[in-house]
Amino acid sequence: MKKPHVGPKMTYKDLEERVDLTAGDGRKYHAELPASWDNAEFVAEHAGEFDDPPDFPLGHDQNEKLKQAIVNAFVECKNIDLTDPNGSPWLLSWRMYPNKDHPLWKMEPEGCGCNCGCLAPRTWPPAQKP
């Protein structure tokens, strides 16, 4: 079985050109980010089916830890009241991209199963839908 592709691969400069923008009136703005594909959960669910290093598949567990840390920091820094019946006044969404310039992403097949994206605030682990 072939491991699914992760991407798109981006460079620091690629992302900088999308997030460090200044409008004519001096306000900062952020351009759209491209959609991303991850395979972390897939790789975790198919452990041993790929020719991966012995420490695989850690990507999915690392992503869950990262998501929880981001959610916690977001709620704390923005003073979000998770009991507000109207929900949060702020929403955060993020994407993680493979660094196109890193040797890990120049290997064939790709050497990782660890891309992710998510949103906040939310309870963690994600609430189960009825």
C-alpha atoms as a PDB file:
ATOM      1  CA  MET A   1       0.000   0.000   0.000  1.00  0.00           C
ATOM      2  CA  LYS A   2       1.310   3.449  -0.861  1.00  0.00           C
ATOM      3  CA  LYS A   3       1.277   6.103   1.837  1.00  0.00           C
ATOM      4  CA  PRO A   4      -1.001   9.029   0.829  1.00  0.00           C
ATOM      5  CA  HIS A   5       0.630  12.297  -0.167  1.00  0.00           C
ATOM      6  CA  VAL A   6       1.030  15.131   2.348  1.00  0.00           C
ATOM      7  CA  GLY A   7       0.939  18.699   1.189  1.00  0.00           C
ATOM      8  CA  PRO A   8       1.168  21.021  -0.453  1.00  0.00           C
ATOM      9  CA  LYS A   9       4.791  21.509   0.415  1.00  0.00           C
ATOM     10  CA  MET A  10       5.484  25.154   1.198  1.00  0.00           C
ATOM     11  CA  THR A  11       8.578  27.198   1.969  1.00  0.00           C
ATOM     12  CA  TYR A  12       8.881  29.762   4.745  1.00  0.00           C
ATOM     13  CA  LYS A  13       8.936  32.432   2.035  1.00  0.00           C
ATOM     14  CA  ASP A  14       5.738  31.026   0.460  1.00  0.00           C
ATOM     15  CA  LEU A  15       3.899  31.383   3.756  1.00  0.00           C
ATOM     16  CA  GLU A  16       5.483  34.724   4.641  1.00  0.00           C
ATOM     17  CA  GLU A  17       4.162  36.138   1.348  1.00  0.00           C
ATOM     18  CA  ARG A  18       0.646  35.140   2.425  1.00  0.00           C
ATOM     19  CA  VAL A  19       0.624  36.256   6.052  1.00  0.00           C
ATOM     20  CA  ASP A  20       2.939  39.273   6.368  1.00  0.00           C
ATOM     21  CA  LEU A  21       1.032  41.697   4.151  1.00  0.00           C
ATOM     22  CA  THR A  22       0.324  45.374   4.712  1.00  0.00           C
ATOM     23  CA  ALA A  23      -2.573  47.207   3.106  1.00  0.00           C
ATOM     24  CA  GLY A  24      -2.239  50.725   1.719  1.00  0.00           C
ATOM     25  CA  ASP A  25      -3.827  52.123   4.890  1.00  0.00           C
ATOM     26  CA  GLY A  26      -1.230  50.390   7.094  1.00  0.00           C
ATOM     27  CA  ARG A  27      -3.394  47.557   8.425  1.00  0.00           C
ATOM     28  CA  LYS A  28      -1.981  44.026   8.348  1.00  0.00           C
ATOM     29  CA  TYR A  29      -3.802  41.391   6.379  1.00  0.00           C
ATOM     30  CA  HIS A  30      -3.403  37.730   5.605  1.00  0.00           C
ATOM     31  CA  ALA A  31      -4.061  36.134   2.224  1.00  0.00           C
ATOM     32  CA  GLU A  32      -5.811  32.815   1.815  1.00  0.00           C
ATOM     33  CA  LEU A  33      -3.905  29.673   2.658  1.00  0.00           C
ATOM     34  CA  PRO A  34      -4.048  26.724   0.305  1.00  0.00           C
ATOM     35  CA  ALA A  35      -6.013  23.650   1.287  1.00  0.00           C
ATOM     36  CA  SER A  36      -3.843  20.950   2.794  1.00  0.00           C
ATOM     37  CA  TRP A  37      -3.852  17.169   2.887  1.00  0.00           C
ATOM     38  CA  ASP A  38      -2.679  15.199   5.857  1.00  0.00           C
ATOM     39  CA  ASN A  39      -2.098  11.498   6.330  1.00  0.00           C
ATOM     40  CA  ALA A  40      -1.271  11.284  10.039  1.00  0.00           C
ATOM     41  CA  GLU A  41      -4.441   9.515  11.121  1.00  0.00           C
ATOM     42  CA  PHE A  42      -4.283   7.244   8.067  1.00  0.00           C
ATOM     43  CA  VAL A  43      -0.678   6.277   8.829  1.00  0.00           C
ATOM     44  CA  ALA A  44      -1.522   5.634  12.490  1.00  0.00           C
ATOM     45  CA  GLU A  45      -4.427   3.397  11.467  1.00  0.00           C
ATOM     46  CA  HIS A  46      -2.179   1.460   9.063  1.00  0.00           C
ATOM     47  CA  ALA A  47       0.876   1.067  11.295  1.00  0.00           C
ATOM     48  CA  GLY A  48       3.374  -1.468   9.976  1.00  0.00           C
ATOM     49  CA  GLU A  49       2.054  -1.336   6.415  1.00  0.00           C
ATOM     50  CA  PHE A  50       4.715   1.121   5.243  1.00  0.00           C
ATOM     51  CA  ASP A  51       8.498   1.042   5.145  1.00  0.00           C
ATOM     52  CA  ASP A  52       8.803   3.653   7.893  1.00  0.00           C
ATOM     53  CA  PRO A  53      11.337   4.166  10.680  1.00  0.00           C
ATOM     54  CA  PRO A  54      10.524   2.357  13.962  1.00  0.00           C
ATOM     55  CA  ASP A  55       9.320   5.566  15.663  1.00  0.00           C
ATOM     56  CA  PHE A  56       6.390   5.812  13.251  1.00  0.00           C
ATOM     57  CA  PRO A  57       3.548   6.506  13.442  1.00  0.00           C
ATOM     58  CA  LEU A  58       4.008   9.285  15.982  1.00  0.00           C
ATOM     59  CA  GLY A  59       2.571  12.043  13.804  1.00  0.00           C
ATOM     60  CA  HIS A  60      -1.053  11.563  14.789  1.00  0.00           C
ATOM     61  CA  ASP A  61      -0.304  11.551  18.523  1.00  0.00           C
ATOM     62  CA  GLN A  62       1.920  14.610  18.093  1.00  0.00           C
ATOM     63  CA  ASN A  63      -0.866  16.396  16.205  1.00  0.00           C
ATOM     64  CA  GLU A  64      -3.374  15.691  18.971  1.00  0.00           C
ATOM     65  CA  LYS A  65      -0.914  17.089  21.529  1.00  0.00           C
ATOM     66  CA  LEU A  66      -0.273  20.155  19.328  1.00  0.00           C
ATOM     67  CA  LYS A  67      -4.008  20.766  18.839  1.00  0.00           C
ATOM     68  CA  GLN A  68      -4.630  20.634  22.579  1.00  0.00           C
ATOM     69  CA  ALA A  69      -1.753  23.057  23.259  1.00  0.00           C
ATOM     70  CA  ILE A  70      -2.988  25.516  20.608  1.00  0.00           C
ATOM     71  CA  VAL A  71      -6.560  25.364  21.901  1.00  0.00           C
ATOM     72  CA  ASN A  72      -5.395  25.900  25.485  1.00  0.00           C
ATOM     73  CA  ALA A  73      -3.168  28.849  24.531  1.00  0.00           C
ATOM     74  CA  PHE A  74      -5.906  30.403  22.380  1.00  0.00           C
ATOM     75  CA  VAL A  75      -8.541  30.169  25.117  1.00  0.00           C
ATOM     76  CA  GLU A  76      -6.134  31.504  27.751  1.00  0.00           C
ATOM     77  CA  CYS A  77      -4.579  34.345  25.740  1.00  0.00           C
ATOM     78  CA  LYS A  78      -7.874  35.605  24.296  1.00  0.00           C
ATOM     79  CA  ASN A  79      -9.714  35.152  27.626  1.00  0.00           C
ATOM     80  CA  ILE A  80     -12.397  33.053  25.982  1.00  0.00           C
ATOM     81  CA  ASP A  81     -15.272  32.032  28.216  1.00  0.00           C
ATOM     82  CA  LEU A  82     -16.123  28.515  27.084  1.00  0.00           C
ATOM     83  CA  THR A  83     -19.424  28.730  28.989  1.00  0.00           C
ATOM     84  CA  ASP A  84     -20.642  31.765  26.994  1.00  0.00           C
ATOM     85  CA  PRO A  85     -24.032  30.687  25.568  1.00  0.00           C
ATOM     86  CA  ASN A  86     -23.269  32.682  22.409  1.00  0.00           C
ATOM     87  CA  GLY A  87     -20.046  30.803  21.802  1.00  0.00           C
ATOM     88  CA  SER A  88     -16.611  32.289  21.377  1.00  0.00           C
ATOM     89  CA  PRO A  89     -16.215  35.825  20.029  1.00  0.00           C
ATOM     90  CA  TRP A  90     -13.078  34.597  18.215  1.00  0.00           C
ATOM     91  CA  LEU A  91     -12.374  31.540  16.077  1.00  0.00           C
ATOM     92  CA  LEU A  92      -8.973  30.203  15.115  1.00  0.00           C
ATOM     93  CA  SER A  93      -8.160  27.817  12.319  1.00  0.00           C
ATOM     94  CA  TRP A  94      -4.733  26.650  11.246  1.00  0.00           C
ATOM     95  CA  ARG A  95      -2.916  24.503   8.769  1.00  0.00           C
ATOM     96  CA  MET A  96       0.460  22.911   8.978  1.00  0.00           C
ATOM     97  CA  TYR A  97       2.511  22.440   5.809  1.00  0.00           C
ATOM     98  CA  PRO A  98       5.534  20.286   5.015  1.00  0.00           C
ATOM     99  CA  ASN A  99       8.632  22.496   4.686  1.00  0.00           C
ATOM    100  CA  LYS A 100       9.581  22.106   1.024  1.00  0.00           C
ATOM    101  CA  ASP A 101      13.191  23.074   1.817  1.00  0.00           C
ATOM    102  CA  HIS A 102      13.718  20.347   4.459  1.00  0.00           C
ATOM    103  CA  PRO A 103      15.503  17.123   3.374  1.00  0.00           C
ATOM    104  CA  LEU A 104      12.728  15.015   4.951  1.00  0.00           C
ATOM    105  CA  TRP A 105      10.391  16.131   2.170  1.00  0.00           C
ATOM    106  CA  LYS A 106      12.840  15.415  -0.637  1.00  0.00           C
ATOM    107  CA  MET A 107      12.777  11.675   0.108  1.00  0.00           C
ATOM    108  CA  GLU A 108      10.709   9.223  -1.906  1.00  0.00           C
ATOM    109  CA  PRO A 109       8.434   7.969  -0.578  1.00  0.00           C
ATOM    110  CA  GLU A 110       7.630  10.874   1.705  1.00  0.00           C
ATOM    111  CA  GLY A 111       9.177  10.346   5.101  1.00  0.00           C
ATOM    112  CA  CYS A 112       6.377  11.453   7.356  1.00  0.00           C
ATOM    113  CA  GLY A 113       2.747  11.040   8.300  1.00  0.00           C
ATOM    114  CA  CYS A 114       2.240  14.143  10.354  1.00  0.00           C
ATOM    115  CA  ASN A 115       0.483  17.037   8.644  1.00  0.00           C
ATOM    116  CA  CYS A 116      -2.585  18.566  10.293  1.00  0.00           C
ATOM    117  CA  GLY A 117      -5.027  21.408  10.505  1.00  0.00           C
ATOM    118  CA  CYS A 118      -7.781  22.171  12.962  1.00  0.00           C
ATOM    119  CA  LEU A 119      -9.910  24.850  14.636  1.00  0.00           C
ATOM    120  CA  ALA A 120     -10.441  26.403  18.058  1.00  0.00           C
ATOM    121  CA  PRO A 121     -11.982  26.812  20.493  1.00  0.00           C
ATOM    122  CA  ARG A 122     -13.281  23.326  21.024  1.00  0.00           C
ATOM    123  CA  THR A 123     -13.232  20.793  23.760  1.00  0.00           C
ATOM    124  CA  TRP A 124     -10.559  18.159  23.448  1.00  0.00           C
ATOM    125  CA  PRO A 125     -10.782  15.433  22.543  1.00  0.00           C
ATOM    126  CA  PRO A 126     -13.410  16.581  20.042  1.00  0.00           C
ATOM    127  CA  ALA A 127     -16.915  16.118  21.355  1.00  0.00           C
ATOM    128  CA  GLN A 128     -18.649  13.058  19.984  1.00  0.00           C
ATOM    129  CA  LYS A 129     -21.664  13.795  17.823  1.00  0.00           C
ATOM    130  CA  PRO A 130     -24.872  12.098  18.967  1.00  0.00           C
END
